Amino acid sequence: IIVQCVRWYLAYALSLRNIEEMMAERGIAVDHSTLHRWVIRLVPLLDKAFRRHKRSVGSRWRMDETYIKIKG
């Protein structure tokens, strides 16, 4: 449940109080300060895990040119 709350906080830019309210609607009592402590604890771990799986950018870039004519 805590990981889900942290995911919502990071992915959807919700405030901790909004997430607290959402969890209360689902019948789960969690305080915003508890969520904040878990965010501080889990974000470095999640960042480290995601960076391991991140693919590097290649040396080739492709670009398309598009011309849009607006009002004549």
PDB file of N, CA and C in Angstrom:
ATOM      1  N   ILE A   1       0.834  -1.188   0.000  1.00  0.00           N
ATOM      2  CA  ILE A   1       0.000   0.000   0.000  1.00  0.00           C
ATOM      3  C   ILE A   1       0.875   1.246   0.000  1.00  0.00           C
ATOM      4  N   ILE A   2       1.936   1.229   0.790  1.00  0.00           N
ATOM      5  CA  ILE A   2       2.825   2.388   0.859  1.00  0.00           C
ATOM      6  C   ILE A   2       3.511   2.614  -0.482  1.00  0.00           C
ATOM      7  N   VAL A   3       3.953   1.550  -1.133  1.00  0.00           N
ATOM      8  CA  VAL A   3       4.615   1.693  -2.436  1.00  0.00           C
ATOM      9  C   VAL A   3       3.642   2.275  -3.453  1.00  0.00           C
ATOM     10  N   GLN A   4       2.383   1.866  -3.390  1.00  0.00           N
ATOM     11  CA  GLN A   4       1.371   2.412  -4.290  1.00  0.00           C
ATOM     12  C   GLN A   4       1.189   3.910  -4.040  1.00  0.00           C
ATOM     13  N   CYS A   5       1.166   4.319  -2.801  1.00  0.00           N
ATOM     14  CA  CYS A   5       1.035   5.743  -2.470  1.00  0.00           C
ATOM     15  C   CYS A   5       2.236   6.538  -2.971  1.00  0.00           C
ATOM     16  N   VAL A   6       3.428   5.989  -2.793  1.00  0.00           N
ATOM     17  CA  VAL A   6       4.637   6.662  -3.282  1.00  0.00           C
ATOM     18  C   VAL A   6       4.590   6.773  -4.800  1.00  0.00           C
ATOM     19  N   ARG A   7       4.118   5.734  -5.465  1.00  0.00           N
ATOM     20  CA  ARG A   7       3.994   5.760  -6.925  1.00  0.00           C
ATOM     21  C   ARG A   7       3.033   6.860  -7.360  1.00  0.00           C
ATOM     22  N   TRP A   8       1.889   6.972  -6.700  1.00  0.00           N
ATOM     23  CA  TRP A   8       0.932   8.035  -7.033  1.00  0.00           C
ATOM     24  C   TRP A   8       1.554   9.408  -6.804  1.00  0.00           C
ATOM     25  N   TYR A   9       2.303   9.542  -5.715  1.00  0.00           N
ATOM     26  CA  TYR A   9       2.932  10.822  -5.401  1.00  0.00           C
ATOM     27  C   TYR A   9       3.917  11.231  -6.491  1.00  0.00           C
ATOM     28  N   LEU A  10       4.697  10.287  -6.977  1.00  0.00           N
ATOM     29  CA  LEU A  10       5.710  10.591  -7.983  1.00  0.00           C
ATOM     30  C   LEU A  10       5.124  10.713  -9.386  1.00  0.00           C
ATOM     31  N   ALA A  11       4.175   9.867  -9.728  1.00  0.00           N
ATOM     32  CA  ALA A  11       3.678   9.812 -11.104  1.00  0.00           C
ATOM     33  C   ALA A  11       2.644  10.887 -11.411  1.00  0.00           C
ATOM     34  N   TYR A  12       1.812  11.226 -10.458  1.00  0.00           N
ATOM     35  CA  TYR A  12       0.677  12.100 -10.751  1.00  0.00           C
ATOM     36  C   TYR A  12       0.739  13.450 -10.062  1.00  0.00           C
ATOM     37  N   ALA A  13       1.827  13.770  -9.430  1.00  0.00           N
ATOM     38  CA  ALA A  13       2.031  15.070  -8.780  1.00  0.00           C
ATOM     39  C   ALA A  13       0.903  15.409  -7.808  1.00  0.00           C
ATOM     40  N   LEU A  14       0.477  14.428  -7.031  1.00  0.00           N
ATOM     41  CA  LEU A  14      -0.527  14.656  -5.999  1.00  0.00           C
ATOM     42  C   LEU A  14       0.173  15.079  -4.713  1.00  0.00           C
ATOM     43  N   SER A  15      -0.526  15.857  -3.907  1.00  0.00           N
ATOM     44  CA  SER A  15       0.049  16.207  -2.614  1.00  0.00           C
ATOM     45  C   SER A  15      -0.118  15.029  -1.657  1.00  0.00           C
ATOM     46  N   LEU A  16       0.664  15.038  -0.605  1.00  0.00           N
ATOM     47  CA  LEU A  16       0.588  13.953   0.371  1.00  0.00           C
ATOM     48  C   LEU A  16      -0.769  13.947   1.071  1.00  0.00           C
ATOM     49  N   ARG A  17      -1.329  15.124   1.283  1.00  0.00           N
ATOM     50  CA  ARG A  17      -2.661  15.197   1.903  1.00  0.00           C
ATOM     51  C   ARG A  17      -3.739  14.667   0.961  1.00  0.00           C
ATOM     52  N   ASN A  18      -3.579  14.885  -0.350  1.00  0.00           N
ATOM     53  CA  ASN A  18      -4.527  14.317  -1.311  1.00  0.00           C
ATOM     54  C   ASN A  18      -4.467  12.794  -1.286  1.00  0.00           C
ATOM     55  N   ILE A  19      -3.274  12.259  -1.205  1.00  0.00           N
ATOM     56  CA  ILE A  19      -3.123  10.805  -1.159  1.00  0.00           C
ATOM     57  C   ILE A  19      -3.697  10.259   0.146  1.00  0.00           C
ATOM     58  N   GLU A  20      -3.484  10.980   1.242  1.00  0.00           N
ATOM     59  CA  GLU A  20      -4.069  10.582   2.525  1.00  0.00           C
ATOM     60  C   GLU A  20      -5.593  10.513   2.406  1.00  0.00           C
ATOM     61  N   GLU A  21      -6.175  11.504   1.755  1.00  0.00           N
ATOM     62  CA  GLU A  21      -7.623  11.543   1.555  1.00  0.00           C
ATOM     63  C   GLU A  21      -8.097  10.397   0.656  1.00  0.00           C
ATOM     64  N   MET A  22      -7.345  10.119  -0.406  1.00  0.00           N
ATOM     65  CA  MET A  22      -7.711   9.021  -1.305  1.00  0.00           C
ATOM     66  C   MET A  22      -7.682   7.681  -0.576  1.00  0.00           C
ATOM     67  N   MET A  23      -6.687   7.486   0.267  1.00  0.00           N
ATOM     68  CA  MET A  23      -6.594   6.232   1.005  1.00  0.00           C
ATOM     69  C   MET A  23      -7.712   6.129   2.046  1.00  0.00           C
ATOM     70  N   ALA A  24      -8.102   7.261   2.641  1.00  0.00           N
ATOM     71  CA  ALA A  24      -9.210   7.250   3.601  1.00  0.00           C
ATOM     72  C   ALA A  24     -10.511   6.855   2.909  1.00  0.00           C
ATOM     73  N   GLU A  25     -10.691   7.287   1.658  1.00  0.00           N
ATOM     74  CA  GLU A  25     -11.873   6.892   0.892  1.00  0.00           C
ATOM     75  C   GLU A  25     -11.895   5.387   0.659  1.00  0.00           C
ATOM     76  N   ARG A  26     -10.732   4.766   0.628  1.00  0.00           N
ATOM     77  CA  ARG A  26     -10.629   3.325   0.423  1.00  0.00           C
ATOM     78  C   ARG A  26     -10.622   2.551   1.744  1.00  0.00           C
ATOM     79  N   GLY A  27     -10.771   3.278   2.849  1.00  0.00           N
ATOM     80  CA  GLY A  27     -10.842   2.627   4.152  1.00  0.00           C
ATOM     81  C   GLY A  27      -9.501   2.348   4.791  1.00  0.00           C
ATOM     82  N   ILE A  28      -8.446   3.000   4.314  1.00  0.00           N
ATOM     83  CA  ILE A  28      -7.103   2.788   4.855  1.00  0.00           C
ATOM     84  C   ILE A  28      -6.648   4.082   5.521  1.00  0.00           C
ATOM     85  N   ALA A  29      -6.353   4.013   6.807  1.00  0.00           N
ATOM     86  CA  ALA A  29      -5.925   5.190   7.558  1.00  0.00           C
ATOM     87  C   ALA A  29      -4.408   5.306   7.485  1.00  0.00           C
ATOM     88  N   VAL A  30      -3.950   6.338   6.814  1.00  0.00           N
ATOM     89  CA  VAL A  30      -2.514   6.608   6.720  1.00  0.00           C
ATOM     90  C   VAL A  30      -2.327   8.121   6.822  1.00  0.00           C
ATOM     91  N   ASP A  31      -1.331   8.534   7.576  1.00  0.00           N
ATOM     92  CA  ASP A  31      -1.095   9.955   7.789  1.00  0.00           C
ATOM     93  C   ASP A  31      -0.130  10.494   6.738  1.00  0.00           C
ATOM     94  N   HIS A  32      -0.284  11.780   6.400  1.00  0.00           N
ATOM     95  CA  HIS A  32       0.575  12.368   5.372  1.00  0.00           C
ATOM     96  C   HIS A  32       2.038  12.412   5.810  1.00  0.00           C
ATOM     97  N   SER A  33       2.292  12.553   7.104  1.00  0.00           N
ATOM     98  CA  SER A  33       3.688  12.566   7.569  1.00  0.00           C
ATOM     99  C   SER A  33       4.332  11.182   7.418  1.00  0.00           C
ATOM    100  N   THR A  34       3.538  10.132   7.595  1.00  0.00           N
ATOM    101  CA  THR A  34       4.038   8.773   7.367  1.00  0.00           C
ATOM    102  C   THR A  34       4.383   8.583   5.899  1.00  0.00           C
ATOM    103  N   LEU A  35       3.503   9.069   5.031  1.00  0.00           N
ATOM    104  CA  LEU A  35       3.773   8.987   3.595  1.00  0.00           C
ATOM    105  C   LEU A  35       5.053   9.739   3.240  1.00  0.00           C
ATOM    106  N   HIS A  36       5.241  10.910   3.858  1.00  0.00           N
ATOM    107  CA  HIS A  36       6.442  11.701   3.575  1.00  0.00           C
ATOM    108  C   HIS A  36       7.705  10.947   3.976  1.00  0.00           C
ATOM    109  N   ARG A  37       7.676  10.289   5.127  1.00  0.00           N
ATOM    110  CA  ARG A  37       8.841   9.499   5.555  1.00  0.00           C
ATOM    111  C   ARG A  37       9.120   8.364   4.578  1.00  0.00           C
ATOM    112  N   TRP A  38       8.067   7.707   4.092  1.00  0.00           N
ATOM    113  CA  TRP A  38       8.253   6.618   3.139  1.00  0.00           C
ATOM    114  C   TRP A  38       8.754   7.130   1.793  1.00  0.00           C
ATOM    115  N   VAL A  39       8.291   8.302   1.371  1.00  0.00           N
ATOM    116  CA  VAL A  39       8.789   8.884   0.117  1.00  0.00           C
ATOM    117  C   VAL A  39      10.284   9.136   0.236  1.00  0.00           C
ATOM    118  N   ILE A  40      10.697   9.737   1.340  1.00  0.00           N
ATOM    119  CA  ILE A  40      12.122  10.025   1.549  1.00  0.00           C
ATOM    120  C   ILE A  40      12.937   8.733   1.563  1.00  0.00           C
ATOM    121  N   ARG A  41      12.382   7.667   2.132  1.00  0.00           N
ATOM    122  CA  ARG A  41      13.104   6.400   2.231  1.00  0.00           C
ATOM    123  C   ARG A  41      13.136   5.642   0.904  1.00  0.00           C
ATOM    124  N   LEU A  42      12.026   5.656   0.152  1.00  0.00           N
ATOM    125  CA  LEU A  42      11.922   4.806  -1.036  1.00  0.00           C
ATOM    126  C   LEU A  42      12.422   5.441  -2.331  1.00  0.00           C
ATOM    127  N   VAL A  43      12.373   6.759  -2.450  1.00  0.00           N
ATOM    128  CA  VAL A  43      12.762   7.398  -3.711  1.00  0.00           C
ATOM    129  C   VAL A  43      14.202   7.071  -4.105  1.00  0.00           C
ATOM    130  N   PRO A  44      15.189   7.146  -3.216  1.00  0.00           N
ATOM    131  CA  PRO A  44      16.547   6.772  -3.645  1.00  0.00           C
ATOM    132  C   PRO A  44      16.653   5.312  -4.089  1.00  0.00           C
ATOM    133  N   LEU A  45      15.934   4.420  -3.419  1.00  0.00           N
ATOM    134  CA  LEU A  45      15.971   3.009  -3.807  1.00  0.00           C
ATOM    135  C   LEU A  45      15.323   2.789  -5.169  1.00  0.00           C
ATOM    136  N   LEU A  46      14.188   3.435  -5.395  1.00  0.00           N
ATOM    137  CA  LEU A  46      13.507   3.301  -6.684  1.00  0.00           C
ATOM    138  C   LEU A  46      14.341   3.911  -7.804  1.00  0.00           C
ATOM    139  N   ASP A  47      14.956   5.061  -7.530  1.00  0.00           N
ATOM    140  CA  ASP A  47      15.796   5.713  -8.535  1.00  0.00           C
ATOM    141  C   ASP A  47      16.968   4.816  -8.923  1.00  0.00           C
ATOM    142  N   LYS A  48      17.591   4.206  -7.948  1.00  0.00           N
ATOM    143  CA  LYS A  48      18.719   3.307  -8.205  1.00  0.00           C
ATOM    144  C   LYS A  48      18.279   2.102  -9.038  1.00  0.00           C
ATOM    145  N   ALA A  49      17.117   1.542  -8.713  1.00  0.00           N
ATOM    146  CA  ALA A  49      16.615   0.378  -9.452  1.00  0.00           C
ATOM    147  C   ALA A  49      16.256   0.742 -10.892  1.00  0.00           C
ATOM    148  N   PHE A  50      15.634   1.901 -11.092  1.00  0.00           N
ATOM    149  CA  PHE A  50      15.236   2.295 -12.440  1.00  0.00           C
ATOM    150  C   PHE A  50      16.439   2.679 -13.295  1.00  0.00           C
ATOM    151  N   ARG A  51      17.449   3.280 -12.694  1.00  0.00           N
ATOM    152  CA  ARG A  51      18.647   3.645 -13.469  1.00  0.00           C
ATOM    153  C   ARG A  51      19.380   2.405 -13.981  1.00  0.00           C
ATOM    154  N   ARG A  52      19.315   1.304 -13.237  1.00  0.00           N
ATOM    155  CA  ARG A  52      19.939   0.066 -13.688  1.00  0.00           C
ATOM    156  C   ARG A  52      19.293  -0.457 -14.961  1.00  0.00           C
ATOM    157  N   HIS A  53      17.994  -0.266 -15.093  1.00  0.00           N
ATOM    158  CA  HIS A  53      17.259  -0.799 -16.237  1.00  0.00           C
ATOM    159  C   HIS A  53      17.104   0.206 -17.374  1.00  0.00           C
ATOM    160  N   LYS A  54      17.557   1.428 -17.174  1.00  0.00           N
ATOM    161  CA  LYS A  54      17.422   2.466 -18.189  1.00  0.00           C
ATOM    162  C   LYS A  54      18.387   2.194 -19.336  1.00  0.00           C
ATOM    163  N   ARG A  55      17.863   2.262 -20.543  1.00  0.00           N
ATOM    164  CA  ARG A  55      18.706   2.039 -21.714  1.00  0.00           C
ATOM    165  C   ARG A  55      19.444   3.320 -22.079  1.00  0.00           C
ATOM    166  N   SER A  56      20.651   3.165 -22.567  1.00  0.00           N
ATOM    167  CA  SER A  56      21.428   4.338 -22.951  1.00  0.00           C
ATOM    168  C   SER A  56      20.940   4.874 -24.293  1.00  0.00           C
ATOM    169  N   VAL A  57      21.177   6.140 -24.498  1.00  0.00           N
ATOM    170  CA  VAL A  57      20.791   6.796 -25.743  1.00  0.00           C
ATOM    171  C   VAL A  57      21.852   6.498 -26.789  1.00  0.00           C
ATOM    172  N   GLY A  58      21.409   6.184 -27.997  1.00  0.00           N
ATOM    173  CA  GLY A  58      22.341   5.875 -29.070  1.00  0.00           C
ATOM    174  C   GLY A  58      23.033   7.113 -29.619  1.00  0.00           C
ATOM    175  N   SER A  59      23.976   6.901 -30.532  1.00  0.00           N
ATOM    176  CA  SER A  59      24.734   8.018 -31.088  1.00  0.00           C
ATOM    177  C   SER A  59      24.045   8.635 -32.302  1.00  0.00           C
ATOM    178  N   ARG A  60      23.020   7.993 -32.842  1.00  0.00           N
ATOM    179  CA  ARG A  60      22.318   8.520 -34.008  1.00  0.00           C
ATOM    180  C   ARG A  60      21.035   9.231 -33.602  1.00  0.00           C
ATOM    181  N   TRP A  61      20.804  10.349 -34.280  1.00  0.00           N
ATOM    182  CA  TRP A  61      19.582  11.103 -34.066  1.00  0.00           C
ATOM    183  C   TRP A  61      18.885  11.251 -35.403  1.00  0.00           C
ATOM    184  N   ARG A  62      17.586  11.172 -35.388  1.00  0.00           N
ATOM    185  CA  ARG A  62      16.806  11.367 -36.605  1.00  0.00           C
ATOM    186  C   ARG A  62      15.885  12.553 -36.401  1.00  0.00           C
ATOM    187  N   MET A  63      15.739  13.331 -37.475  1.00  0.00           N
ATOM    188  CA  MET A  63      14.895  14.506 -37.381  1.00  0.00           C
ATOM    189  C   MET A  63      14.032  14.597 -38.634  1.00  0.00           C
ATOM    190  N   ASP A  64      12.779  14.890 -38.445  1.00  0.00           N
ATOM    191  CA  ASP A  64      11.871  15.119 -39.556  1.00  0.00           C
ATOM    192  C   ASP A  64      11.521  16.593 -39.590  1.00  0.00           C
ATOM    193  N   GLU A  65      11.344  17.106 -40.798  1.00  0.00           N
ATOM    194  CA  GLU A  65      10.923  18.490 -40.947  1.00  0.00           C
ATOM    195  C   GLU A  65       9.467  18.510 -41.356  1.00  0.00           C
ATOM    196  N   THR A  66       8.701  19.313 -40.667  1.00  0.00           N
ATOM    197  CA  THR A  66       7.285  19.442 -40.965  1.00  0.00           C
ATOM    198  C   THR A  66       6.963  20.918 -41.100  1.00  0.00           C
ATOM    199  N   TYR A  67       6.265  21.256 -42.172  1.00  0.00           N
ATOM    200  CA  TYR A  67       5.836  22.626 -42.394  1.00  0.00           C
ATOM    201  C   TYR A  67       4.332  22.686 -42.228  1.00  0.00           C
ATOM    202  N   ILE A  68       3.871  23.604 -41.424  1.00  0.00           N
ATOM    203  CA  ILE A  68       2.443  23.774 -41.201  1.00  0.00           C
ATOM    204  C   ILE A  68       2.076  25.184 -41.624  1.00  0.00           C
ATOM    205  N   LYS A  69       1.083  25.275 -42.498  1.00  0.00           N
ATOM    206  CA  LYS A  69       0.624  26.569 -42.979  1.00  0.00           C
ATOM    207  C   LYS A  69      -0.630  26.944 -42.186  1.00  0.00           C
ATOM    208  N   ILE A  70      -0.577  28.091 -41.526  1.00  0.00           N
ATOM    209  CA  ILE A  70      -1.689  28.520 -40.692  1.00  0.00           C
ATOM    210  C   ILE A  70      -2.270  29.805 -41.258  1.00  0.00           C
ATOM    211  N   LYS A  71      -3.577  29.810 -41.498  1.00  0.00           N
ATOM    212  CA  LYS A  71      -4.325  30.970 -42.004  1.00  0.00           C
ATOM    213  C   LYS A  71      -3.696  31.558 -43.254  1.00  0.00           C
ATOM    214  N   GLY A  72      -3.562  30.760 -44.265  1.00  0.00           N
ATOM    215  CA  GLY A  72      -3.199  31.245 -45.583  1.00  0.00           C
ATOM    216  C   GLY A  72      -1.775  31.394 -45.814  1.00  0.00           C
TER     217      GLY A  72
END
